[in-house]
Structures are given as C-alpha cells and as structure tokens.
Amino acid sequence: MTRNYPKNRKPNEKSMTQQLLKIYSPDELQEIWRENNGMYKTSAYLYEKHKISVTPNVIQYLSAKFNWVRIVTDKSLAIYRAVIRGTQSREDYKHIIFQ
C-alpha cells in the first residue's frame, strides 16, 4: 500500500529520526549500529552518550531506509545459531551477512 502524500510534504523536524540525523550523518549512525551489534544496543548506547531516549524501532527504520548491512562472525549469537540450525531463514535477516 502506497501513501498518497503531497509533493511538498516536509519531514517532521521534531521526530527522533530527524534529531538523530542532525547529530550524526547516516554513515556515522551506520558505524555505531555495526559496532553495537544491532538496534537494541545502539539505542542503549545513544541514550548513554546523549541522554536521548531512542527506541530500537527508530534504529530499525533507519537501517531499512538506508539499507545498512553488517557482518556477523560471532558464532555465540542467538541469531547466528538459529540460522545455522535452520530454525530461522537467512532471508529473514537481509541486513546481516553471516560468516
């Protein structure tokens, strides 16, 4: 379902997404996302650093919008083990490259 927004629609400047993009560039946010292994730890990191309450959904939205991809090599992670066992499909995790 596509939305029928007007052509002159502007982003909400008070949204958490826009506030984060004022502080960091998308490339900087992607690097923070990669270093912290995903959306939950990234939101906790941003709260510790800036005292801004960023929900994991905001980070998930940004990763989908900018097509962020990260490489996972830690075989102890639950996602990695589930994909290796076959209980989760690799296609469910398009943002992760398993090595």
PDB file of N, CA and C in Angstrom:
ATOM      1  N   MET A   1       0.842  -1.172   0.000  1.00  0.00           N
ATOM      2  CA  MET A   1       0.000   0.000   0.000  1.00  0.00           C
ATOM      3  C   MET A   1       0.888   1.236   0.000  1.00  0.00           C
ATOM      4  N   THR A   2       0.730   2.061  -0.989  1.00  0.00           N
ATOM      5  CA  THR A   2       1.495   3.295  -1.049  1.00  0.00           C
ATOM      6  C   THR A   2       0.630   4.445  -0.555  1.00  0.00           C
ATOM      7  N   ARG A   3       1.283   5.383   0.078  1.00  0.00           N
ATOM      8  CA  ARG A   3       0.570   6.535   0.613  1.00  0.00           C
ATOM      9  C   ARG A   3       0.515   7.623  -0.437  1.00  0.00           C
ATOM     10  N   ASN A   4      -0.527   8.401  -0.412  1.00  0.00           N
ATOM     11  CA  ASN A   4      -0.715   9.471  -1.368  1.00  0.00           C
ATOM     12  C   ASN A   4      -0.392  10.809  -0.690  1.00  0.00           C
ATOM     13  N   TYR A   5       0.892  11.013  -0.392  1.00  0.00           N
ATOM     14  CA  TYR A   5       1.314  12.239   0.267  1.00  0.00           C
ATOM     15  C   TYR A   5       1.482  13.351  -0.758  1.00  0.00           C
ATOM     16  N   PRO A   6       1.272  14.601  -0.354  1.00  0.00           N
ATOM     17  CA  PRO A   6       1.501  15.707  -1.294  1.00  0.00           C
ATOM     18  C   PRO A   6       2.983  15.843  -1.616  1.00  0.00           C
ATOM     19  N   LYS A   7       3.282  16.417  -2.760  1.00  0.00           N
ATOM     20  CA  LYS A   7       4.679  16.540  -3.215  1.00  0.00           C
ATOM     21  C   LYS A   7       5.493  17.461  -2.313  1.00  0.00           C
ATOM     22  N   ASN A   8       4.852  18.433  -1.692  1.00  0.00           N
ATOM     23  CA  ASN A   8       5.576  19.401  -0.875  1.00  0.00           C
ATOM     24  C   ASN A   8       5.628  19.015   0.604  1.00  0.00           C
ATOM     25  N   ARG A   9       5.371  17.753   0.921  1.00  0.00           N
ATOM     26  CA  ARG A   9       5.405  17.298   2.309  1.00  0.00           C
ATOM     27  C   ARG A   9       6.827  17.345   2.835  1.00  0.00           C
ATOM     28  N   LYS A  10       6.982  17.905   4.029  1.00  0.00           N
ATOM     29  CA  LYS A  10       8.295  18.033   4.653  1.00  0.00           C
ATOM     30  C   LYS A  10       8.382  17.056   5.828  1.00  0.00           C
ATOM     31  N   PRO A  11       9.592  16.601   6.149  1.00  0.00           N
ATOM     32  CA  PRO A  11       9.731  15.706   7.297  1.00  0.00           C
ATOM     33  C   PRO A  11       9.462  16.464   8.601  1.00  0.00           C
ATOM     34  N   ASN A  12       8.982  15.746   9.579  1.00  0.00           N
ATOM     35  CA  ASN A  12       8.735  16.321  10.889  1.00  0.00           C
ATOM     36  C   ASN A  12      10.077  16.581  11.572  1.00  0.00           C
ATOM     37  N   GLU A  13      10.398  17.841  11.785  1.00  0.00           N
ATOM     38  CA  GLU A  13      11.712  18.204  12.343  1.00  0.00           C
ATOM     39  C   GLU A  13      11.863  17.798  13.805  1.00  0.00           C
ATOM     40  N   LYS A  14      10.763  17.515  14.486  1.00  0.00           N
ATOM     41  CA  LYS A  14      10.835  17.143  15.894  1.00  0.00           C
ATOM     42  C   LYS A  14      10.856  15.638  16.103  1.00  0.00           C
ATOM     43  N   SER A  15      10.829  14.871  15.031  1.00  0.00           N
ATOM     44  CA  SER A  15      10.867  13.417  15.174  1.00  0.00           C
ATOM     45  C   SER A  15      12.262  12.977  15.615  1.00  0.00           C
ATOM     46  N   MET A  16      12.308  11.842  16.255  1.00  0.00           N
ATOM     47  CA  MET A  16      13.587  11.331  16.746  1.00  0.00           C
ATOM     48  C   MET A  16      14.524  11.013  15.591  1.00  0.00           C
ATOM     49  N   THR A  17      13.991  10.576  14.473  1.00  0.00           N
ATOM     50  CA  THR A  17      14.811  10.287  13.305  1.00  0.00           C
ATOM     51  C   THR A  17      15.519  11.546  12.831  1.00  0.00           C
ATOM     52  N   GLN A  18      14.793  12.638  12.712  1.00  0.00           N
ATOM     53  CA  GLN A  18      15.387  13.886  12.255  1.00  0.00           C
ATOM     54  C   GLN A  18      16.371  14.448  13.266  1.00  0.00           C
ATOM     55  N   GLN A  19      16.090  14.282  14.558  1.00  0.00           N
ATOM     56  CA  GLN A  19      17.021  14.741  15.590  1.00  0.00           C
ATOM     57  C   GLN A  19      18.333  13.973  15.515  1.00  0.00           C
ATOM     58  N   LEU A  20      18.243  12.664  15.311  1.00  0.00           N
ATOM     59  CA  LEU A  20      19.461  11.860  15.180  1.00  0.00           C
ATOM     60  C   LEU A  20      20.251  12.246  13.934  1.00  0.00           C
ATOM     61  N   LEU A  21      19.541  12.509  12.843  1.00  0.00           N
ATOM     62  CA  LEU A  21      20.232  12.876  11.606  1.00  0.00           C
ATOM     63  C   LEU A  21      20.846  14.269  11.685  1.00  0.00           C
ATOM     64  N   LYS A  22      20.407  15.096  12.614  1.00  0.00           N
ATOM     65  CA  LYS A  22      21.058  16.390  12.834  1.00  0.00           C
ATOM     66  C   LYS A  22      22.352  16.213  13.620  1.00  0.00           C
ATOM     67  N   ILE A  23      22.363  15.240  14.531  1.00  0.00           N
ATOM     68  CA  ILE A  23      23.552  14.991  15.359  1.00  0.00           C
ATOM     69  C   ILE A  23      24.588  14.189  14.573  1.00  0.00           C
ATOM     70  N   TYR A  24      24.143  13.143  13.894  1.00  0.00           N
ATOM     71  CA  TYR A  24      25.025  12.237  13.175  1.00  0.00           C
ATOM     72  C   TYR A  24      24.643  12.181  11.702  1.00  0.00           C
ATOM     73  N   SER A  25      25.611  11.891  10.877  1.00  0.00           N
ATOM     74  CA  SER A  25      25.319  11.604   9.470  1.00  0.00           C
ATOM     75  C   SER A  25      24.853  10.138   9.388  1.00  0.00           C
ATOM     76  N   PRO A  26      24.191   9.752   8.312  1.00  0.00           N
ATOM     77  CA  PRO A  26      23.785   8.338   8.177  1.00  0.00           C
ATOM     78  C   PRO A  26      24.960   7.363   8.232  1.00  0.00           C
ATOM     79  N   ASP A  27      26.110   7.764   7.707  1.00  0.00           N
ATOM     80  CA  ASP A  27      27.284   6.887   7.748  1.00  0.00           C
ATOM     81  C   ASP A  27      27.787   6.704   9.185  1.00  0.00           C
ATOM     82  N   GLU A  28      27.767   7.769   9.979  1.00  0.00           N
ATOM     83  CA  GLU A  28      28.181   7.660  11.380  1.00  0.00           C
ATOM     84  C   GLU A  28      27.218   6.784  12.168  1.00  0.00           C
ATOM     85  N   LEU A  29      25.927   6.937  11.915  1.00  0.00           N
ATOM     86  CA  LEU A  29      24.937   6.095  12.590  1.00  0.00           C
ATOM     87  C   LEU A  29      25.096   4.631  12.188  1.00  0.00           C
ATOM     88  N   GLN A  30      25.415   4.393  10.930  1.00  0.00           N
ATOM     89  CA  GLN A  30      25.623   3.021  10.482  1.00  0.00           C
ATOM     90  C   GLN A  30      26.825   2.406  11.192  1.00  0.00           C
ATOM     91  N   GLU A  31      27.878   3.161  11.348  1.00  0.00           N
ATOM     92  CA  GLU A  31      29.065   2.645  12.038  1.00  0.00           C
ATOM     93  C   GLU A  31      28.757   2.344  13.510  1.00  0.00           C
ATOM     94  N   ILE A  32      27.988   3.200  14.165  1.00  0.00           N
ATOM     95  CA  ILE A  32      27.572   2.953  15.552  1.00  0.00           C
ATOM     96  C   ILE A  32      26.709   1.697  15.610  1.00  0.00           C
ATOM     97  N   TRP A  33      25.814   1.530  14.645  1.00  0.00           N
ATOM     98  CA  TRP A  33      24.936   0.367  14.579  1.00  0.00           C
ATOM     99  C   TRP A  33      25.750  -0.917  14.405  1.00  0.00           C
ATOM    100  N   ARG A  34      26.784  -0.858  13.565  1.00  0.00           N
ATOM    101  CA  ARG A  34      27.635  -2.038  13.347  1.00  0.00           C
ATOM    102  C   ARG A  34      28.448  -2.372  14.598  1.00  0.00           C
ATOM    103  N   GLU A  35      29.011  -1.355  15.238  1.00  0.00           N
ATOM    104  CA  GLU A  35      29.852  -1.589  16.415  1.00  0.00           C
ATOM    105  C   GLU A  35      29.053  -2.150  17.583  1.00  0.00           C
ATOM    106  N   ASN A  36      27.786  -1.749  17.695  1.00  0.00           N
ATOM    107  CA  ASN A  36      26.962  -2.165  18.821  1.00  0.00           C
ATOM    108  C   ASN A  36      26.072  -3.363  18.515  1.00  0.00           C
ATOM    109  N   ASN A  37      26.267  -3.996  17.371  1.00  0.00           N
ATOM    110  CA  ASN A  37      25.570  -5.237  17.009  1.00  0.00           C
ATOM    111  C   ASN A  37      24.057  -5.117  16.987  1.00  0.00           C
ATOM    112  N   GLY A  38      23.547  -4.075  16.367  1.00  0.00           N
ATOM    113  CA  GLY A  38      22.114  -4.010  16.141  1.00  0.00           C
ATOM    114  C   GLY A  38      21.392  -2.888  16.836  1.00  0.00           C
ATOM    115  N   MET A  39      20.073  -2.955  16.764  1.00  0.00           N
ATOM    116  CA  MET A  39      19.245  -1.826  17.155  1.00  0.00           C
ATOM    117  C   MET A  39      19.108  -1.662  18.673  1.00  0.00           C
ATOM    118  N   TYR A  40      19.064  -2.735  19.433  1.00  0.00           N
ATOM    119  CA  TYR A  40      18.852  -2.618  20.870  1.00  0.00           C
ATOM    120  C   TYR A  40      20.062  -1.999  21.571  1.00  0.00           C
ATOM    121  N   LYS A  41      21.232  -2.512  21.272  1.00  0.00           N
ATOM    122  CA  LYS A  41      22.437  -1.968  21.904  1.00  0.00           C
ATOM    123  C   LYS A  41      22.760  -0.574  21.388  1.00  0.00           C
ATOM    124  N   THR A  42      22.402  -0.281  20.142  1.00  0.00           N
ATOM    125  CA  THR A  42      22.617   1.058  19.602  1.00  0.00           C
ATOM    126  C   THR A  42      21.742   2.071  20.314  1.00  0.00           C
ATOM    127  N   SER A  43      20.481   1.722  20.562  1.00  0.00           N
ATOM    128  CA  SER A  43      19.607   2.646  21.271  1.00  0.00           C
ATOM    129  C   SER A  43      20.096   2.867  22.700  1.00  0.00           C
ATOM    130  N   ALA A  44      20.606   1.832  23.357  1.00  0.00           N
ATOM    131  CA  ALA A  44      21.158   1.990  24.701  1.00  0.00           C
ATOM    132  C   ALA A  44      22.420   2.860  24.674  1.00  0.00           C
ATOM    133  N   TYR A  45      23.261   2.665  23.661  1.00  0.00           N
ATOM    134  CA  TYR A  45      24.480   3.462  23.520  1.00  0.00           C
ATOM    135  C   TYR A  45      24.151   4.944  23.331  1.00  0.00           C
ATOM    136  N   LEU A  46      23.189   5.230  22.467  1.00  0.00           N
ATOM    137  CA  LEU A  46      22.812   6.620  22.217  1.00  0.00           C
ATOM    138  C   LEU A  46      22.196   7.262  23.457  1.00  0.00           C
ATOM    139  N   TYR A  47      21.469   6.477  24.254  1.00  0.00           N
ATOM    140  CA  TYR A  47      20.921   7.016  25.490  1.00  0.00           C
ATOM    141  C   TYR A  47      22.035   7.351  26.472  1.00  0.00           C
ATOM    142  N   GLU A  48      23.020   6.471  26.592  1.00  0.00           N
ATOM    143  CA  GLU A  48      24.142   6.728  27.498  1.00  0.00           C
ATOM    144  C   GLU A  48      24.950   7.940  27.067  1.00  0.00           C
ATOM    145  N   LYS A  49      25.143   8.086  25.768  1.00  0.00           N
ATOM    146  CA  LYS A  49      26.004   9.155  25.262  1.00  0.00           C
ATOM    147  C   LYS A  49      25.325  10.517  25.258  1.00  0.00           C
ATOM    148  N   HIS A  50      24.067  10.573  24.801  1.00  0.00           N
ATOM    149  CA  HIS A  50      23.393  11.862  24.629  1.00  0.00           C
ATOM    150  C   HIS A  50      22.189  12.062  25.542  1.00  0.00           C
ATOM    151  N   LYS A  51      21.830  11.054  26.328  1.00  0.00           N
ATOM    152  CA  LYS A  51      20.636  11.099  27.170  1.00  0.00           C
ATOM    153  C   LYS A  51      19.380  11.372  26.346  1.00  0.00           C
ATOM    154  N   ILE A  52      19.363  10.833  25.131  1.00  0.00           N
ATOM    155  CA  ILE A  52      18.198  10.914  24.257  1.00  0.00           C
ATOM    156  C   ILE A  52      17.571   9.530  24.223  1.00  0.00           C
ATOM    157  N   SER A  53      16.288   9.460  24.522  1.00  0.00           N
ATOM    158  CA  SER A  53      15.600   8.180  24.532  1.00  0.00           C
ATOM    159  C   SER A  53      15.242   7.776  23.100  1.00  0.00           C
ATOM    160  N   VAL A  54      16.081   6.958  22.514  1.00  0.00           N
ATOM    161  CA  VAL A  54      15.885   6.480  21.146  1.00  0.00           C
ATOM    162  C   VAL A  54      15.351   5.055  21.229  1.00  0.00           C
ATOM    163  N   THR A  55      14.207   4.820  20.620  1.00  0.00           N
ATOM    164  CA  THR A  55      13.664   3.467  20.641  1.00  0.00           C
ATOM    165  C   THR A  55      14.377   2.616  19.588  1.00  0.00           C
ATOM    166  N   PRO A  56      14.431   1.313  19.808  1.00  0.00           N
ATOM    167  CA  PRO A  56      15.029   0.433  18.800  1.00  0.00           C
ATOM    168  C   PRO A  56      14.317   0.510  17.456  1.00  0.00           C
ATOM    169  N   ASN A  57      13.029   0.852  17.464  1.00  0.00           N
ATOM    170  CA  ASN A  57      12.294   0.954  16.202  1.00  0.00           C
ATOM    171  C   ASN A  57      12.823   2.082  15.324  1.00  0.00           C
ATOM    172  N   VAL A  58      13.312   3.151  15.924  1.00  0.00           N
ATOM    173  CA  VAL A  58      13.901   4.248  15.147  1.00  0.00           C
ATOM    174  C   VAL A  58      15.162   3.757  14.443  1.00  0.00           C
ATOM    175  N   ILE A  59      15.977   3.004  15.159  1.00  0.00           N
ATOM    176  CA  ILE A  59      17.204   2.460  14.574  1.00  0.00           C
ATOM    177  C   ILE A  59      16.853   1.450  13.483  1.00  0.00           C
ATOM    178  N   GLN A  60      15.834   0.648  13.715  1.00  0.00           N
ATOM    179  CA  GLN A  60      15.401  -0.316  12.701  1.00  0.00           C
ATOM    180  C   GLN A  60      14.901   0.406  11.449  1.00  0.00           C
ATOM    181  N   TYR A  61      14.152   1.488  11.633  1.00  0.00           N
ATOM    182  CA  TYR A  61      13.668   2.276  10.498  1.00  0.00           C
ATOM    183  C   TYR A  61      14.833   2.849   9.700  1.00  0.00           C
ATOM    184  N   LEU A  62      15.827   3.411  10.404  1.00  0.00           N
ATOM    185  CA  LEU A  62      16.986   3.984   9.713  1.00  0.00           C
ATOM    186  C   LEU A  62      17.769   2.914   8.961  1.00  0.00           C
ATOM    187  N   SER A  63      17.918   1.731   9.570  1.00  0.00           N
ATOM    188  CA  SER A  63      18.673   0.670   8.893  1.00  0.00           C
ATOM    189  C   SER A  63      17.952   0.200   7.645  1.00  0.00           C
ATOM    190  N   ALA A  64      16.629   0.168   7.680  1.00  0.00           N
ATOM    191  CA  ALA A  64      15.879  -0.228   6.492  1.00  0.00           C
ATOM    192  C   ALA A  64      15.893   0.874   5.436  1.00  0.00           C
ATOM    193  N   LYS A  65      15.796   2.118   5.878  1.00  0.00           N
ATOM    194  CA  LYS A  65      15.755   3.243   4.946  1.00  0.00           C
ATOM    195  C   LYS A  65      17.067   3.391   4.179  1.00  0.00           C
ATOM    196  N   PHE A  66      18.189   3.244   4.879  1.00  0.00           N
ATOM    197  CA  PHE A  66      19.499   3.443   4.264  1.00  0.00           C
ATOM    198  C   PHE A  66      20.163   2.129   3.846  1.00  0.00           C
ATOM    199  N   ASN A  67      19.447   1.003   3.964  1.00  0.00           N
ATOM    200  CA  ASN A  67      19.953  -0.321   3.555  1.00  0.00           C
ATOM    201  C   ASN A  67      21.289  -0.664   4.214  1.00  0.00           C
ATOM    202  N   TRP A  68      21.342  -0.522   5.537  1.00  0.00           N
ATOM    203  CA  TRP A  68      22.552  -0.861   6.262  1.00  0.00           C
ATOM    204  C   TRP A  68      22.731  -2.374   6.301  1.00  0.00           C
ATOM    205  N   VAL A  69      23.970  -2.815   6.220  1.00  0.00           N
ATOM    206  CA  VAL A  69      24.308  -4.238   6.289  1.00  0.00           C
ATOM    207  C   VAL A  69      25.486  -4.392   7.235  1.00  0.00           C
ATOM    208  N   ARG A  70      25.437  -5.431   8.066  1.00  0.00           N
ATOM    209  CA  ARG A  70      26.566  -5.696   8.962  1.00  0.00           C
ATOM    210  C   ARG A  70      26.963  -7.153   8.863  1.00  0.00           C
ATOM    211  N   ILE A  71      28.214  -7.421   9.169  1.00  0.00           N
ATOM    212  CA  ILE A  71      28.759  -8.772   9.102  1.00  0.00           C
ATOM    213  C   ILE A  71      28.782  -9.351  10.513  1.00  0.00           C
ATOM    214  N   VAL A  72      28.272 -10.557  10.667  1.00  0.00           N
ATOM    215  CA  VAL A  72      28.257 -11.233  11.958  1.00  0.00           C
ATOM    216  C   VAL A  72      29.205 -12.420  11.877  1.00  0.00           C
ATOM    217  N   THR A  73      30.207 -12.419  12.745  1.00  0.00           N
ATOM    218  CA  THR A  73      31.146 -13.536  12.798  1.00  0.00           C
ATOM    219  C   THR A  73      31.101 -14.239  14.149  1.00  0.00           C
ATOM    220  N   ASP A  74      30.424 -13.659  15.122  1.00  0.00           N
ATOM    221  CA  ASP A  74      30.341 -14.243  16.464  1.00  0.00           C
ATOM    222  C   ASP A  74      29.353 -15.403  16.447  1.00  0.00           C
ATOM    223  N   LYS A  75      29.858 -16.612  16.546  1.00  0.00           N
ATOM    224  CA  LYS A  75      29.016 -17.794  16.450  1.00  0.00           C
ATOM    225  C   LYS A  75      28.217 -18.056  17.718  1.00  0.00           C
ATOM    226  N   SER A  76      28.451 -17.282  18.776  1.00  0.00           N
ATOM    227  CA  SER A  76      27.691 -17.468  20.015  1.00  0.00           C
ATOM    228  C   SER A  76      26.393 -16.663  20.022  1.00  0.00           C
ATOM    229  N   LEU A  77      26.189 -15.789  19.029  1.00  0.00           N
ATOM    230  CA  LEU A  77      24.954 -15.011  18.976  1.00  0.00           C
ATOM    231  C   LEU A  77      23.772 -15.921  18.649  1.00  0.00           C
ATOM    232  N   ALA A  78      22.633 -15.625  19.247  1.00  0.00           N
ATOM    233  CA  ALA A  78      21.444 -16.453  19.058  1.00  0.00           C
ATOM    234  C   ALA A  78      20.973 -16.443  17.605  1.00  0.00           C
ATOM    235  N   ILE A  79      21.074 -15.304  16.943  1.00  0.00           N
ATOM    236  CA  ILE A  79      20.660 -15.223  15.537  1.00  0.00           C
ATOM    237  C   ILE A  79      21.504 -16.149  14.684  1.00  0.00           C
ATOM    238  N   TYR A  80      22.807 -16.119  14.909  1.00  0.00           N
ATOM    239  CA  TYR A  80      23.732 -16.946  14.135  1.00  0.00           C
ATOM    240  C   TYR A  80      23.416 -18.427  14.336  1.00  0.00           C
ATOM    241  N   ARG A  81      23.220 -18.824  15.589  1.00  0.00           N
ATOM    242  CA  ARG A  81      22.941 -20.231  15.878  1.00  0.00           C
ATOM    243  C   ARG A  81      21.614 -20.678  15.273  1.00  0.00           C
ATOM    244  N   ALA A  82      20.600 -19.802  15.313  1.00  0.00           N
ATOM    245  CA  ALA A  82      19.287 -20.158  14.761  1.00  0.00           C
ATOM    246  C   ALA A  82      19.359 -20.346  13.244  1.00  0.00           C
ATOM    247  N   VAL A  83      20.142 -19.530  12.572  1.00  0.00           N
ATOM    248  CA  VAL A  83      20.273 -19.657  11.124  1.00  0.00           C
ATOM    249  C   VAL A  83      21.052 -20.922  10.778  1.00  0.00           C
ATOM    250  N   ILE A  84      22.099 -21.224  11.531  1.00  0.00           N
ATOM    251  CA  ILE A  84      22.895 -22.428  11.271  1.00  0.00           C
ATOM    252  C   ILE A  84      22.056 -23.685  11.511  1.00  0.00           C
ATOM    253  N   ARG A  85      21.245 -23.682  12.589  1.00  0.00           N
ATOM    254  CA  ARG A  85      20.380 -24.835  12.888  1.00  0.00           C
ATOM    255  C   ARG A  85      19.281 -25.000  11.862  1.00  0.00           C
ATOM    256  N   GLY A  86      18.879 -23.901  11.241  1.00  0.00           N
ATOM    257  CA  GLY A  86      17.803 -23.966  10.266  1.00  0.00           C
ATOM    258  C   GLY A  86      16.450 -23.578  10.817  1.00  0.00           C
ATOM    259  N   THR A  87      16.383 -23.143  12.078  1.00  0.00           N
ATOM    260  CA  THR A  87      15.101 -22.725  12.644  1.00  0.00           C
ATOM    261  C   THR A  87      14.697 -21.336  12.165  1.00  0.00           C
ATOM    262  N   GLN A  88      15.649 -20.557  11.708  1.00  0.00           N
ATOM    263  CA  GLN A  88      15.387 -19.239  11.118  1.00  0.00           C
ATOM    264  C   GLN A  88      15.948 -19.229   9.704  1.00  0.00           C
ATOM    265  N   SER A  89      15.277 -18.520   8.835  1.00  0.00           N
ATOM    266  CA  SER A  89      15.711 -18.439   7.444  1.00  0.00           C
ATOM    267  C   SER A  89      16.687 -17.279   7.269  1.00  0.00           C
ATOM    268  N   ARG A  90      17.697 -17.457   6.427  1.00  0.00           N
ATOM    269  CA  ARG A  90      18.633 -16.366   6.130  1.00  0.00           C
ATOM    270  C   ARG A  90      17.935 -15.185   5.483  1.00  0.00           C
ATOM    271  N   GLU A  91      16.869 -15.437   4.746  1.00  0.00           N
ATOM    272  CA  GLU A  91      16.152 -14.367   4.067  1.00  0.00           C
ATOM    273  C   GLU A  91      15.457 -13.431   5.049  1.00  0.00           C
ATOM    274  N   ASP A  92      15.219 -13.901   6.292  1.00  0.00           N
ATOM    275  CA  ASP A  92      14.611 -13.042   7.308  1.00  0.00           C
ATOM    276  C   ASP A  92      15.570 -11.960   7.785  1.00  0.00           C
ATOM    277  N   TYR A  93      16.855 -12.155   7.567  1.00  0.00           N
ATOM    278  CA  TYR A  93      17.878 -11.225   8.044  1.00  0.00           C
ATOM    279  C   TYR A  93      18.669 -10.684   6.863  1.00  0.00           C
ATOM    280  N   LYS A  94      18.017  -9.842   6.074  1.00  0.00           N
ATOM    281  CA  LYS A  94      18.669  -9.275   4.886  1.00  0.00           C
ATOM    282  C   LYS A  94      19.755  -8.274   5.239  1.00  0.00           C
ATOM    283  N   HIS A  95      19.721  -7.753   6.459  1.00  0.00           N
ATOM    284  CA  HIS A  95      20.696  -6.760   6.896  1.00  0.00           C
ATOM    285  C   HIS A  95      21.936  -7.390   7.529  1.00  0.00           C
ATOM    286  N   ILE A  96      21.987  -8.718   7.576  1.00  0.00           N
ATOM    287  CA  ILE A  96      23.116  -9.411   8.207  1.00  0.00           C
ATOM    288  C   ILE A  96      23.780 -10.326   7.193  1.00  0.00           C
ATOM    289  N   ILE A  97      25.095 -10.298   7.178  1.00  0.00           N
ATOM    290  CA  ILE A  97      25.892 -11.221   6.371  1.00  0.00           C
ATOM    291  C   ILE A  97      26.548 -12.188   7.365  1.00  0.00           C
ATOM    292  N   PHE A  98      26.221 -13.461   7.275  1.00  0.00           N
ATOM    293  CA  PHE A  98      26.754 -14.469   8.191  1.00  0.00           C
ATOM    294  C   PHE A  98      28.053 -15.014   7.630  1.00  0.00           C
ATOM    295  N   GLN A  99      29.103 -14.970   8.448  1.00  0.00           N
ATOM    296  CA  GLN A  99      30.407 -15.523   8.038  1.00  0.00           C
ATOM    297  C   GLN A  99      30.953 -16.434   9.114  1.00  0.00           C
TER     298      GLN A  99
END
